[in-house]
């Protein structure tokens, strides 16, 4: 990072009341508790972002009771830079509090050139973990995921690699991400045979993207596995930003974005109706969308991103109204169903 890197910072002293407000939830059948909201570093922590702002976001997160920071080997851009920048901030601000943190990373997508820089092979996963530990300046991660199912690698090899990470002491827990219900069942069977439990599944889930309800939620609940959700605001659709169309500079206005313009236009009527309901609940649309995910006890935590401390505080403000009346739930189902 080169932007605003050298702004002076006072020595960090965490808020003494950081655990007073944030709810913590059981992660499956394990002894791990996760904050209702965890911080994802997919965006805003790469070398083209503002390290000073990123540092403020991490400090604010911990002060709010967010103990879980989630990364992946290829977060950036460029690949690896989010982990490197996180490691630098960790050394500056959080090293004395390492045992209060739950740090995760993942591998599964493209990371380096050649046949061993992608997928689910033992070679790729073990190498990825070693690289992630070096970038983050850690001896171990609390959690390491396989980021996606790989049809070109036997699932036994992939799960075997995750098992080895735990037995080598380089990951305290392991999990999977983006596996469908049937793939998850297969993976959990192998985990059980190896004697290493799968702590958690990380899956995309929002009011506008409910695929996990088609079997996956039931599988993780039945097997005692936690679920943490990402993209809870559907890449920004479930915010006030698009209520009046697509503003210049937004993700949907960028042709290289994950969020397509036609997606916004198609969902706009639903978004506007949901925003009206959120106003009645005295919440922003984003806060209601986040609270809606937490109404299901099978959800252990919701991953949120933030480009500023103010945005993070607004999102975490959802904890002030997590309850939904039967009438509200019916109204939401009518809109999004």
C-alpha atoms as a PDB file:
ATOM      1  CA  UNK A   1       0.000   0.000   0.000  1.00  0.00           C
ATOM      2  CA  UNK A   2       1.214   3.464  -0.824  1.00  0.00           C
ATOM      3  CA  UNK A   3      -1.733   5.700   0.087  1.00  0.00           C
ATOM      4  CA  UNK A   4      -1.725   7.455   3.489  1.00  0.00           C
ATOM      5  CA  UNK A   5       0.616   4.818   4.857  1.00  0.00           C
ATOM      6  CA  UNK A   6       2.609   7.163   7.031  1.00  0.00           C
ATOM      7  CA  UNK A   7      -0.081   8.961   9.021  1.00  0.00           C
ATOM      8  CA  UNK A   8       0.880   8.834  12.710  1.00  0.00           C
ATOM      9  CA  UNK A   9      -1.030   6.461  14.990  1.00  0.00           C
ATOM     10  CA  UNK A  10      -1.155   6.468  18.769  1.00  0.00           C
ATOM     11  CA  UNK A  11      -0.369   3.192  20.484  1.00  0.00           C
ATOM     12  CA  UNK A  12      -3.468   1.022  20.361  1.00  0.00           C
ATOM     13  CA  UNK A  13      -5.296   0.343  23.611  1.00  0.00           C
ATOM     14  CA  UNK A  14      -8.471  -1.717  23.008  1.00  0.00           C
ATOM     15  CA  UNK A  15     -11.779  -0.599  24.409  1.00  0.00           C
ATOM     16  CA  UNK A  16     -12.203  -2.071  27.897  1.00  0.00           C
ATOM     17  CA  UNK A  17     -15.907  -2.691  27.191  1.00  0.00           C
ATOM     18  CA  UNK A  18     -15.365  -4.513  23.899  1.00  0.00           C
ATOM     19  CA  UNK A  19     -17.190  -7.643  25.062  1.00  0.00           C
ATOM     20  CA  UNK A  20     -20.178  -5.893  26.630  1.00  0.00           C
ATOM     21  CA  UNK A  21     -22.447  -5.613  23.582  1.00  0.00           C
ATOM     22  CA  UNK A  22     -21.447  -8.087  20.872  1.00  0.00           C
ATOM     23  CA  UNK A  23     -23.455 -11.345  21.045  1.00  0.00           C
ATOM     24  CA  UNK A  24     -21.419 -14.545  20.691  1.00  0.00           C
ATOM     25  CA  UNK A  25     -22.916 -17.673  19.160  1.00  0.00           C
ATOM     26  CA  UNK A  26     -22.107 -21.374  19.276  1.00  0.00           C
ATOM     27  CA  UNK A  27     -20.195 -22.734  16.307  1.00  0.00           C
ATOM     28  CA  UNK A  28     -21.846 -26.096  15.729  1.00  0.00           C
ATOM     29  CA  UNK A  29     -21.118 -28.639  18.451  1.00  0.00           C
ATOM     30  CA  UNK A  30     -17.660 -27.234  19.160  1.00  0.00           C
ATOM     31  CA  UNK A  31     -16.502 -25.203  22.116  1.00  0.00           C
ATOM     32  CA  UNK A  32     -15.870 -22.190  19.882  1.00  0.00           C
ATOM     33  CA  UNK A  33     -18.023 -19.096  20.183  1.00  0.00           C
ATOM     34  CA  UNK A  34     -18.005 -16.622  17.295  1.00  0.00           C
ATOM     35  CA  UNK A  35     -19.152 -13.006  17.319  1.00  0.00           C
ATOM     36  CA  UNK A  36     -22.476 -12.403  15.614  1.00  0.00           C
ATOM     37  CA  UNK A  37     -20.500 -10.356  13.091  1.00  0.00           C
ATOM     38  CA  UNK A  38     -17.018 -11.240  11.860  1.00  0.00           C
ATOM     39  CA  UNK A  39     -14.795  -9.080   9.669  1.00  0.00           C
ATOM     40  CA  UNK A  40     -13.933 -10.272   6.176  1.00  0.00           C
ATOM     41  CA  UNK A  41     -10.837  -8.849   4.468  1.00  0.00           C
ATOM     42  CA  UNK A  42     -11.797  -9.742   0.898  1.00  0.00           C
ATOM     43  CA  UNK A  43     -11.873  -6.052  -0.066  1.00  0.00           C
ATOM     44  CA  UNK A  44     -10.125  -2.944   1.278  1.00  0.00           C
ATOM     45  CA  UNK A  45      -6.871  -4.546   2.502  1.00  0.00           C
ATOM     46  CA  UNK A  46      -4.885  -4.930  -0.718  1.00  0.00           C
ATOM     47  CA  UNK A  47      -1.890  -2.941  -1.904  1.00  0.00           C
ATOM     48  CA  UNK A  48      -4.069  -0.470  -3.826  1.00  0.00           C
ATOM     49  CA  UNK A  49      -6.119   0.392  -0.755  1.00  0.00           C
ATOM     50  CA  UNK A  50      -5.466   2.722   2.159  1.00  0.00           C
ATOM     51  CA  UNK A  51      -3.504   0.972   4.899  1.00  0.00           C
ATOM     52  CA  UNK A  52      -4.227   3.711   7.394  1.00  0.00           C
ATOM     53  CA  UNK A  53      -7.949   3.280   6.835  1.00  0.00           C
ATOM     54  CA  UNK A  54      -7.616  -0.508   6.982  1.00  0.00           C
ATOM     55  CA  UNK A  55      -5.838  -0.210  10.307  1.00  0.00           C
ATOM     56  CA  UNK A  56      -8.642   1.972  11.681  1.00  0.00           C
ATOM     57  CA  UNK A  57     -11.223  -0.589  10.526  1.00  0.00           C
ATOM     58  CA  UNK A  58      -9.419  -3.427  12.323  1.00  0.00           C
ATOM     59  CA  UNK A  59      -9.067  -1.385  15.503  1.00  0.00           C
ATOM     60  CA  UNK A  60     -12.748  -0.440  15.390  1.00  0.00           C
ATOM     61  CA  UNK A  61     -13.742  -4.053  14.795  1.00  0.00           C
ATOM     62  CA  UNK A  62     -11.902  -5.291  17.871  1.00  0.00           C
ATOM     63  CA  UNK A  63     -13.252  -2.426  19.967  1.00  0.00           C
ATOM     64  CA  UNK A  64     -16.767  -3.506  18.933  1.00  0.00           C
ATOM     65  CA  UNK A  65     -16.147  -7.073  20.073  1.00  0.00           C
ATOM     66  CA  UNK A  66     -15.327  -8.581  16.679  1.00  0.00           C
ATOM     67  CA  UNK A  67     -12.710 -11.223  17.408  1.00  0.00           C
ATOM     68  CA  UNK A  68     -12.845 -13.158  14.133  1.00  0.00           C
ATOM     69  CA  UNK A  69     -10.902 -11.868  11.111  1.00  0.00           C
ATOM     70  CA  UNK A  70     -11.297 -13.849   7.889  1.00  0.00           C
ATOM     71  CA  UNK A  71      -8.809 -13.872   4.998  1.00  0.00           C
ATOM     72  CA  UNK A  72      -7.764 -16.022   2.033  1.00  0.00           C
ATOM     73  CA  UNK A  73      -4.465 -16.600   0.302  1.00  0.00           C
ATOM     74  CA  UNK A  74      -5.471 -14.659  -2.807  1.00  0.00           C
ATOM     75  CA  UNK A  75      -7.214 -11.672  -1.200  1.00  0.00           C
ATOM     76  CA  UNK A  76      -5.778  -8.376  -2.401  1.00  0.00           C
ATOM     77  CA  UNK A  77      -5.117  -7.346  -5.066  1.00  0.00           C
ATOM     78  CA  UNK A  78      -2.433  -8.410  -5.731  1.00  0.00           C
ATOM     79  CA  UNK A  79      -2.773 -11.947  -4.446  1.00  0.00           C
ATOM     80  CA  UNK A  80      -1.427 -12.318  -0.930  1.00  0.00           C
ATOM     81  CA  UNK A  81      -1.349  -8.624  -0.134  1.00  0.00           C
ATOM     82  CA  UNK A  82      -4.328  -8.671   2.245  1.00  0.00           C
ATOM     83  CA  UNK A  83      -2.552 -11.274   4.376  1.00  0.00           C
ATOM     84  CA  UNK A  84       0.709  -9.330   4.259  1.00  0.00           C
ATOM     85  CA  UNK A  85      -0.977  -6.084   5.265  1.00  0.00           C
ATOM     86  CA  UNK A  86      -2.971  -7.819   7.977  1.00  0.00           C
ATOM     87  CA  UNK A  87       0.245  -9.344   9.334  1.00  0.00           C
ATOM     88  CA  UNK A  88       1.845  -5.914   9.472  1.00  0.00           C
ATOM     89  CA  UNK A  89      -1.117  -4.426  11.361  1.00  0.00           C
ATOM     90  CA  UNK A  90      -1.236  -7.441  13.643  1.00  0.00           C
ATOM     91  CA  UNK A  91       2.359  -6.790  14.674  1.00  0.00           C
ATOM     92  CA  UNK A  92       1.713  -3.100  15.280  1.00  0.00           C
ATOM     93  CA  UNK A  93      -1.588  -3.307  17.146  1.00  0.00           C
ATOM     94  CA  UNK A  94      -2.785  -6.784  18.023  1.00  0.00           C
ATOM     95  CA  UNK A  95       0.196  -8.961  18.928  1.00  0.00           C
ATOM     96  CA  UNK A  96      -0.514  -8.673  22.701  1.00  0.00           C
ATOM     97  CA  UNK A  97      -4.109  -9.755  22.016  1.00  0.00           C
ATOM     98  CA  UNK A  98      -3.408 -12.723  19.712  1.00  0.00           C
ATOM     99  CA  UNK A  99      -5.132 -15.168  22.046  1.00  0.00           C
ATOM    100  CA  UNK A 100      -8.304 -13.074  21.919  1.00  0.00           C
ATOM    101  CA  UNK A 101      -8.414 -13.348  18.123  1.00  0.00           C
ATOM    102  CA  UNK A 102      -9.779 -16.074  15.849  1.00  0.00           C
ATOM    103  CA  UNK A 103      -7.922 -15.751  12.534  1.00  0.00           C
ATOM    104  CA  UNK A 104      -8.832 -17.752   9.447  1.00  0.00           C
ATOM    105  CA  UNK A 105      -7.529 -18.142   5.926  1.00  0.00           C
ATOM    106  CA  UNK A 106      -8.363 -20.286   2.914  1.00  0.00           C
ATOM    107  CA  UNK A 107      -7.027 -21.739  -0.299  1.00  0.00           C
ATOM    108  CA  UNK A 108      -8.740 -23.202  -3.323  1.00  0.00           C
ATOM    109  CA  UNK A 109      -8.792 -20.589  -6.060  1.00  0.00           C
ATOM    110  CA  UNK A 110      -6.044 -19.334  -8.358  1.00  0.00           C
ATOM    111  CA  UNK A 111      -2.947 -18.177  -6.463  1.00  0.00           C
ATOM    112  CA  UNK A 112       0.311 -18.760  -8.383  1.00  0.00           C
ATOM    113  CA  UNK A 113       1.278 -19.921 -11.918  1.00  0.00           C
ATOM    114  CA  UNK A 114       1.532 -23.539 -12.930  1.00  0.00           C
ATOM    115  CA  UNK A 115      -0.398 -26.700 -12.104  1.00  0.00           C
ATOM    116  CA  UNK A 116       0.145 -26.518  -8.320  1.00  0.00           C
ATOM    117  CA  UNK A 117      -1.266 -23.036  -7.699  1.00  0.00           C
ATOM    118  CA  UNK A 118      -4.981 -23.800  -7.703  1.00  0.00           C
ATOM    119  CA  UNK A 119      -7.512 -26.425  -6.700  1.00  0.00           C
ATOM    120  CA  UNK A 120      -7.613 -28.950  -3.893  1.00  0.00           C
ATOM    121  CA  UNK A 121      -4.448 -31.048  -4.108  1.00  0.00           C
ATOM    122  CA  UNK A 122      -2.396 -31.786  -1.017  1.00  0.00           C
ATOM    123  CA  UNK A 123       0.537 -30.023  -2.696  1.00  0.00           C
ATOM    124  CA  UNK A 124      -1.402 -26.807  -3.223  1.00  0.00           C
ATOM    125  CA  UNK A 125      -3.147 -26.712   0.148  1.00  0.00           C
ATOM    126  CA  UNK A 126      -0.118 -27.487   2.304  1.00  0.00           C
ATOM    127  CA  UNK A 127       2.019 -24.988   0.392  1.00  0.00           C
ATOM    128  CA  UNK A 128      -0.720 -22.373   0.648  1.00  0.00           C
ATOM    129  CA  UNK A 129      -0.963 -22.683   4.400  1.00  0.00           C
ATOM    130  CA  UNK A 130       2.811 -22.312   4.789  1.00  0.00           C
ATOM    131  CA  UNK A 131       2.763 -19.185   2.610  1.00  0.00           C
ATOM    132  CA  UNK A 132      -0.204 -17.704   4.498  1.00  0.00           C
ATOM    133  CA  UNK A 133       1.512 -18.201   7.841  1.00  0.00           C
ATOM    134  CA  UNK A 134       4.607 -16.388   6.589  1.00  0.00           C
ATOM    135  CA  UNK A 135       2.613 -13.491   5.151  1.00  0.00           C
ATOM    136  CA  UNK A 136       0.590 -13.041   8.342  1.00  0.00           C
ATOM    137  CA  UNK A 137       3.625 -13.641  10.609  1.00  0.00           C
ATOM    138  CA  UNK A 138       1.823 -16.395  12.487  1.00  0.00           C
ATOM    139  CA  UNK A 139       2.870 -19.770  13.865  1.00  0.00           C
ATOM    140  CA  UNK A 140      -0.650 -21.127  13.322  1.00  0.00           C
ATOM    141  CA  UNK A 141      -4.083 -20.072  12.138  1.00  0.00           C
ATOM    142  CA  UNK A 142      -7.149 -20.710  14.212  1.00  0.00           C
ATOM    143  CA  UNK A 143      -9.035 -21.922  11.152  1.00  0.00           C
ATOM    144  CA  UNK A 144      -8.106 -22.943   7.613  1.00  0.00           C
ATOM    145  CA  UNK A 145     -10.647 -23.663   4.872  1.00  0.00           C
ATOM    146  CA  UNK A 146     -10.665 -25.366   1.545  1.00  0.00           C
ATOM    147  CA  UNK A 147     -12.179 -22.477  -0.410  1.00  0.00           C
ATOM    148  CA  UNK A 148     -14.120 -24.443  -3.029  1.00  0.00           C
ATOM    149  CA  UNK A 149     -14.774 -28.024  -4.139  1.00  0.00           C
ATOM    150  CA  UNK A 150     -12.319 -29.193  -6.791  1.00  0.00           C
ATOM    151  CA  UNK A 151     -13.752 -31.726  -9.262  1.00  0.00           C
ATOM    152  CA  UNK A 152     -10.238 -32.603 -10.461  1.00  0.00           C
ATOM    153  CA  UNK A 153      -8.962 -33.749  -7.064  1.00  0.00           C
ATOM    154  CA  UNK A 154     -10.300 -36.701  -5.050  1.00  0.00           C
ATOM    155  CA  UNK A 155     -12.123 -35.332  -2.046  1.00  0.00           C
ATOM    156  CA  UNK A 156     -10.190 -37.803   0.123  1.00  0.00           C
ATOM    157  CA  UNK A 157      -6.953 -36.037  -0.823  1.00  0.00           C
ATOM    158  CA  UNK A 158      -8.350 -32.587  -0.042  1.00  0.00           C
ATOM    159  CA  UNK A 159      -9.809 -33.522   3.333  1.00  0.00           C
ATOM    160  CA  UNK A 160      -6.669 -35.513   4.137  1.00  0.00           C
ATOM    161  CA  UNK A 161      -4.600 -32.366   3.659  1.00  0.00           C
ATOM    162  CA  UNK A 162      -6.860 -30.410   6.038  1.00  0.00           C
ATOM    163  CA  UNK A 163      -6.552 -33.231   8.565  1.00  0.00           C
ATOM    164  CA  UNK A 164      -2.748 -33.028   8.332  1.00  0.00           C
ATOM    165  CA  UNK A 165      -2.821 -29.279   9.043  1.00  0.00           C
ATOM    166  CA  UNK A 166      -4.553 -29.891  12.368  1.00  0.00           C
ATOM    167  CA  UNK A 167      -2.320 -32.801  13.323  1.00  0.00           C
ATOM    168  CA  UNK A 168       0.773 -30.712  12.528  1.00  0.00           C
ATOM    169  CA  UNK A 169      -0.503 -27.911  14.770  1.00  0.00           C
ATOM    170  CA  UNK A 170      -0.546 -25.335  11.966  1.00  0.00           C
ATOM    171  CA  UNK A 171      -4.332 -24.952  12.059  1.00  0.00           C
ATOM    172  CA  UNK A 172      -6.375 -25.401  15.224  1.00  0.00           C
ATOM    173  CA  UNK A 173      -9.546 -26.051  13.230  1.00  0.00           C
ATOM    174  CA  UNK A 174     -10.454 -26.662   9.602  1.00  0.00           C
ATOM    175  CA  UNK A 175     -13.509 -26.029   7.473  1.00  0.00           C
ATOM    176  CA  UNK A 176     -14.909 -26.012   3.958  1.00  0.00           C
ATOM    177  CA  UNK A 177     -16.458 -23.314   1.805  1.00  0.00           C
ATOM    178  CA  UNK A 178     -18.834 -23.253  -1.172  1.00  0.00           C
ATOM    179  CA  UNK A 179     -19.546 -27.002  -1.007  1.00  0.00           C
ATOM    180  CA  UNK A 180     -23.138 -27.962  -1.794  1.00  0.00           C
ATOM    181  CA  UNK A 181     -25.167 -30.199   0.508  1.00  0.00           C
ATOM    182  CA  UNK A 182     -24.112 -33.501  -1.090  1.00  0.00           C
ATOM    183  CA  UNK A 183     -20.443 -32.506  -1.300  1.00  0.00           C
ATOM    184  CA  UNK A 184     -20.597 -31.440   2.341  1.00  0.00           C
ATOM    185  CA  UNK A 185     -21.974 -34.825   3.375  1.00  0.00           C
ATOM    186  CA  UNK A 186     -19.100 -36.552   1.559  1.00  0.00           C
ATOM    187  CA  UNK A 187     -16.514 -34.290   3.171  1.00  0.00           C
ATOM    188  CA  UNK A 188     -17.942 -34.726   6.673  1.00  0.00           C
ATOM    189  CA  UNK A 189     -17.892 -38.500   6.327  1.00  0.00           C
ATOM    190  CA  UNK A 190     -14.155 -38.399   5.555  1.00  0.00           C
ATOM    191  CA  UNK A 191     -13.460 -35.942   8.371  1.00  0.00           C
ATOM    192  CA  UNK A 192     -15.158 -38.343  10.770  1.00  0.00           C
ATOM    193  CA  UNK A 193     -13.128 -41.308   9.517  1.00  0.00           C
ATOM    194  CA  UNK A 194      -9.901 -39.333  10.001  1.00  0.00           C
ATOM    195  CA  UNK A 195     -10.857 -38.200  13.487  1.00  0.00           C
ATOM    196  CA  UNK A 196     -10.636 -34.480  12.749  1.00  0.00           C
ATOM    197  CA  UNK A 197     -13.920 -32.583  13.026  1.00  0.00           C
ATOM    198  CA  UNK A 198     -14.984 -30.012  10.476  1.00  0.00           C
ATOM    199  CA  UNK A 199     -15.639 -26.882  12.506  1.00  0.00           C
ATOM    200  CA  UNK A 200     -17.546 -24.752  10.029  1.00  0.00           C
ATOM    201  CA  UNK A 201     -18.828 -24.212   6.517  1.00  0.00           C
ATOM    202  CA  UNK A 202     -18.527 -20.775   4.889  1.00  0.00           C
ATOM    203  CA  UNK A 203     -21.288 -20.100   2.382  1.00  0.00           C
ATOM    204  CA  UNK A 204     -22.765 -17.220   0.424  1.00  0.00           C
ATOM    205  CA  UNK A 205     -26.154 -16.301   1.903  1.00  0.00           C
ATOM    206  CA  UNK A 206     -28.411 -13.280   1.841  1.00  0.00           C
ATOM    207  CA  UNK A 207     -32.043 -12.322   1.477  1.00  0.00           C
ATOM    208  CA  UNK A 208     -31.519 -12.376  -2.291  1.00  0.00           C
ATOM    209  CA  UNK A 209     -29.386 -15.536  -2.445  1.00  0.00           C
ATOM    210  CA  UNK A 210     -30.882 -18.382  -0.429  1.00  0.00           C
ATOM    211  CA  UNK A 211     -29.318 -21.484  -1.958  1.00  0.00           C
ATOM    212  CA  UNK A 212     -28.124 -22.759   1.427  1.00  0.00           C
ATOM    213  CA  UNK A 213     -31.747 -23.310   2.419  1.00  0.00           C
ATOM    214  CA  UNK A 214     -31.959 -26.075  -0.199  1.00  0.00           C
ATOM    215  CA  UNK A 215     -30.380 -28.724   2.008  1.00  0.00           C
ATOM    216  CA  UNK A 216     -27.076 -27.295   3.251  1.00  0.00           C
ATOM    217  CA  UNK A 217     -28.452 -25.691   6.406  1.00  0.00           C
ATOM    218  CA  UNK A 218     -30.063 -28.999   7.353  1.00  0.00           C
ATOM    219  CA  UNK A 219     -26.822 -30.931   6.754  1.00  0.00           C
ATOM    220  CA  UNK A 220     -24.633 -28.698   8.913  1.00  0.00           C
ATOM    221  CA  UNK A 221     -27.262 -28.611  11.638  1.00  0.00           C
ATOM    222  CA  UNK A 222     -27.618 -32.402  11.664  1.00  0.00           C
ATOM    223  CA  UNK A 223     -23.836 -32.945  11.767  1.00  0.00           C
ATOM    224  CA  UNK A 224     -23.059 -30.277  14.355  1.00  0.00           C
ATOM    225  CA  UNK A 225     -21.102 -28.027  11.985  1.00  0.00           C
ATOM    226  CA  UNK A 226     -21.212 -24.250  12.199  1.00  0.00           C
ATOM    227  CA  UNK A 227     -22.186 -21.980   9.305  1.00  0.00           C
ATOM    228  CA  UNK A 228     -20.699 -18.551   8.615  1.00  0.00           C
ATOM    229  CA  UNK A 229     -22.174 -16.511   5.793  1.00  0.00           C
ATOM    230  CA  UNK A 230     -20.478 -14.181   3.322  1.00  0.00           C
ATOM    231  CA  UNK A 231     -21.903 -11.584   0.915  1.00  0.00           C
ATOM    232  CA  UNK A 232     -24.798 -10.939   3.337  1.00  0.00           C
ATOM    233  CA  UNK A 233     -25.662  -7.686   1.549  1.00  0.00           C
ATOM    234  CA  UNK A 234     -25.565  -9.265  -1.934  1.00  0.00           C
ATOM    235  CA  UNK A 235     -22.555  -7.181  -3.048  1.00  0.00           C
ATOM    236  CA  UNK A 236     -24.211  -3.993  -1.820  1.00  0.00           C
ATOM    237  CA  UNK A 237     -27.662  -4.562  -3.289  1.00  0.00           C
ATOM    238  CA  UNK A 238     -29.168  -4.763   0.197  1.00  0.00           C
ATOM    239  CA  UNK A 239     -28.129  -1.235   1.119  1.00  0.00           C
ATOM    240  CA  UNK A 240     -29.645   2.167   0.525  1.00  0.00           C
ATOM    241  CA  UNK A 241     -27.146   2.806  -2.261  1.00  0.00           C
ATOM    242  CA  UNK A 242     -29.312   1.467  -5.088  1.00  0.00           C
ATOM    243  CA  UNK A 243     -32.758   2.567  -3.964  1.00  0.00           C
ATOM    244  CA  UNK A 244     -32.935   5.200  -6.674  1.00  0.00           C
ATOM    245  CA  UNK A 245     -31.025   3.361  -9.393  1.00  0.00           C
ATOM    246  CA  UNK A 246     -27.329   2.860 -10.052  1.00  0.00           C
ATOM    247  CA  UNK A 247     -25.117   5.769  -8.916  1.00  0.00           C
ATOM    248  CA  UNK A 248     -21.852   6.611 -10.637  1.00  0.00           C
ATOM    249  CA  UNK A 249     -18.847   4.992  -8.995  1.00  0.00           C
ATOM    250  CA  UNK A 250     -20.841   2.086  -7.559  1.00  0.00           C
ATOM    251  CA  UNK A 251     -19.948  -1.565  -8.092  1.00  0.00           C
ATOM    252  CA  UNK A 252     -22.851  -2.044 -10.481  1.00  0.00           C
ATOM    253  CA  UNK A 253     -21.623   0.867 -12.587  1.00  0.00           C
ATOM    254  CA  UNK A 254     -18.242  -0.855 -13.018  1.00  0.00           C
ATOM    255  CA  UNK A 255     -18.326  -3.302 -15.924  1.00  0.00           C
ATOM    256  CA  UNK A 256     -15.571  -5.367 -14.256  1.00  0.00           C
ATOM    257  CA  UNK A 257     -17.521  -5.761 -11.018  1.00  0.00           C
ATOM    258  CA  UNK A 258     -19.050  -8.942  -9.620  1.00  0.00           C
ATOM    259  CA  UNK A 259     -22.331  -7.019  -9.453  1.00  0.00           C
ATOM    260  CA  UNK A 260     -24.046  -6.754 -12.829  1.00  0.00           C
ATOM    261  CA  UNK A 261     -26.200  -3.789 -13.782  1.00  0.00           C
ATOM    262  CA  UNK A 262     -29.085  -6.016 -14.841  1.00  0.00           C
ATOM    263  CA  UNK A 263     -29.036  -7.673 -11.388  1.00  0.00           C
ATOM    264  CA  UNK A 264     -29.674  -4.321  -9.746  1.00  0.00           C
ATOM    265  CA  UNK A 265     -32.480  -3.426 -12.106  1.00  0.00           C
ATOM    266  CA  UNK A 266     -34.155  -6.809 -11.688  1.00  0.00           C
ATOM    267  CA  UNK A 267     -34.023  -6.673  -7.889  1.00  0.00           C
ATOM    268  CA  UNK A 268     -34.893  -2.996  -7.473  1.00  0.00           C
ATOM    269  CA  UNK A 269     -38.610  -3.471  -6.668  1.00  0.00           C
ATOM    270  CA  UNK A 270     -37.752  -5.967  -3.923  1.00  0.00           C
ATOM    271  CA  UNK A 271     -35.007  -3.734  -2.551  1.00  0.00           C
ATOM    272  CA  UNK A 272     -37.337  -0.744  -2.340  1.00  0.00           C
ATOM    273  CA  UNK A 273     -40.032  -2.737  -0.520  1.00  0.00           C
ATOM    274  CA  UNK A 274     -37.498  -4.157   1.925  1.00  0.00           C
ATOM    275  CA  UNK A 275     -36.166  -0.667   2.600  1.00  0.00           C
ATOM    276  CA  UNK A 276     -39.658   0.487   3.569  1.00  0.00           C
ATOM    277  CA  UNK A 277     -39.964  -2.384   6.019  1.00  0.00           C
ATOM    278  CA  UNK A 278     -36.526  -1.623   7.462  1.00  0.00           C
ATOM    279  CA  UNK A 279     -37.588   1.977   8.078  1.00  0.00           C
ATOM    280  CA  UNK A 280     -40.575   0.708  10.065  1.00  0.00           C
ATOM    281  CA  UNK A 281     -38.128  -1.319  12.169  1.00  0.00           C
ATOM    282  CA  UNK A 282     -35.979   1.812  12.673  1.00  0.00           C
ATOM    283  CA  UNK A 283     -33.093   0.154  10.858  1.00  0.00           C
ATOM    284  CA  UNK A 284     -31.243   0.757   7.631  1.00  0.00           C
ATOM    285  CA  UNK A 285     -31.847  -1.792   4.885  1.00  0.00           C
ATOM    286  CA  UNK A 286     -28.354  -3.193   5.487  1.00  0.00           C
ATOM    287  CA  UNK A 287     -28.971  -3.583   9.210  1.00  0.00           C
ATOM    288  CA  UNK A 288     -32.244  -5.424   8.613  1.00  0.00           C
ATOM    289  CA  UNK A 289     -30.631  -7.710   6.024  1.00  0.00           C
ATOM    290  CA  UNK A 290     -27.872  -8.617   8.490  1.00  0.00           C
ATOM    291  CA  UNK A 291     -30.303  -9.161  11.354  1.00  0.00           C
ATOM    292  CA  UNK A 292     -32.458 -11.384   9.131  1.00  0.00           C
ATOM    293  CA  UNK A 293     -29.580 -13.848   8.716  1.00  0.00           C
ATOM    294  CA  UNK A 294     -29.044 -14.065  12.460  1.00  0.00           C
ATOM    295  CA  UNK A 295     -32.655 -15.022  13.163  1.00  0.00           C
ATOM    296  CA  UNK A 296     -31.607 -18.578  12.230  1.00  0.00           C
ATOM    297  CA  UNK A 297     -29.689 -20.214  15.092  1.00  0.00           C
ATOM    298  CA  UNK A 298     -27.860 -22.434  12.588  1.00  0.00           C
ATOM    299  CA  UNK A 299     -25.932 -19.347  11.467  1.00  0.00           C
ATOM    300  CA  UNK A 300     -22.896 -19.039  13.720  1.00  0.00           C
ATOM    301  CA  UNK A 301     -21.686 -15.676  12.401  1.00  0.00           C
ATOM    302  CA  UNK A 302     -22.134 -13.260   9.521  1.00  0.00           C
ATOM    303  CA  UNK A 303     -19.072 -11.991   7.661  1.00  0.00           C
ATOM    304  CA  UNK A 304     -19.188  -8.280   6.905  1.00  0.00           C
ATOM    305  CA  UNK A 305     -16.766  -6.045   5.068  1.00  0.00           C
ATOM    306  CA  UNK A 306     -16.099  -2.380   5.659  1.00  0.00           C
ATOM    307  CA  UNK A 307     -14.151   0.373   3.945  1.00  0.00           C
ATOM    308  CA  UNK A 308     -14.401   2.722   6.949  1.00  0.00           C
ATOM    309  CA  UNK A 309     -14.978   2.591  10.708  1.00  0.00           C
ATOM    310  CA  UNK A 310     -18.285   4.388  10.201  1.00  0.00           C
ATOM    311  CA  UNK A 311     -19.563   1.740   7.797  1.00  0.00           C
ATOM    312  CA  UNK A 312     -18.523  -1.004  10.195  1.00  0.00           C
ATOM    313  CA  UNK A 313     -20.269   0.647  13.137  1.00  0.00           C
ATOM    314  CA  UNK A 314     -23.438   1.038  11.092  1.00  0.00           C
ATOM    315  CA  UNK A 315     -23.442  -2.646  10.172  1.00  0.00           C
ATOM    316  CA  UNK A 316     -22.798  -3.805  13.725  1.00  0.00           C
ATOM    317  CA  UNK A 317     -25.681  -1.581  14.809  1.00  0.00           C
ATOM    318  CA  UNK A 318     -27.924  -4.364  13.536  1.00  0.00           C
ATOM    319  CA  UNK A 319     -27.455  -6.087  16.922  1.00  0.00           C
ATOM    320  CA  UNK A 320     -29.755  -3.476  18.457  1.00  0.00           C
ATOM    321  CA  UNK A 321     -32.772  -5.103  16.802  1.00  0.00           C
ATOM    322  CA  UNK A 322     -32.333  -8.776  15.957  1.00  0.00           C
ATOM    323  CA  UNK A 323     -35.914  -9.861  16.671  1.00  0.00           C
ATOM    324  CA  UNK A 324     -38.541 -10.214  13.943  1.00  0.00           C
ATOM    325  CA  UNK A 325     -42.241 -10.417  14.601  1.00  0.00           C
ATOM    326  CA  UNK A 326     -44.264 -13.066  12.791  1.00  0.00           C
ATOM    327  CA  UNK A 327     -45.843 -10.306  10.710  1.00  0.00           C
ATOM    328  CA  UNK A 328     -42.435  -8.947   9.699  1.00  0.00           C
ATOM    329  CA  UNK A 329     -41.210 -12.389   8.711  1.00  0.00           C
ATOM    330  CA  UNK A 330     -44.310 -12.969   6.614  1.00  0.00           C
ATOM    331  CA  UNK A 331     -43.906  -9.596   4.925  1.00  0.00           C
ATOM    332  CA  UNK A 332     -40.265 -10.310   4.106  1.00  0.00           C
ATOM    333  CA  UNK A 333     -41.107 -13.756   2.704  1.00  0.00           C
ATOM    334  CA  UNK A 334     -43.785 -12.207   0.526  1.00  0.00           C
ATOM    335  CA  UNK A 335     -41.228  -9.765  -0.888  1.00  0.00           C
ATOM    336  CA  UNK A 336     -38.285 -12.088  -1.406  1.00  0.00           C
ATOM    337  CA  UNK A 337     -39.951 -15.480  -1.594  1.00  0.00           C
END
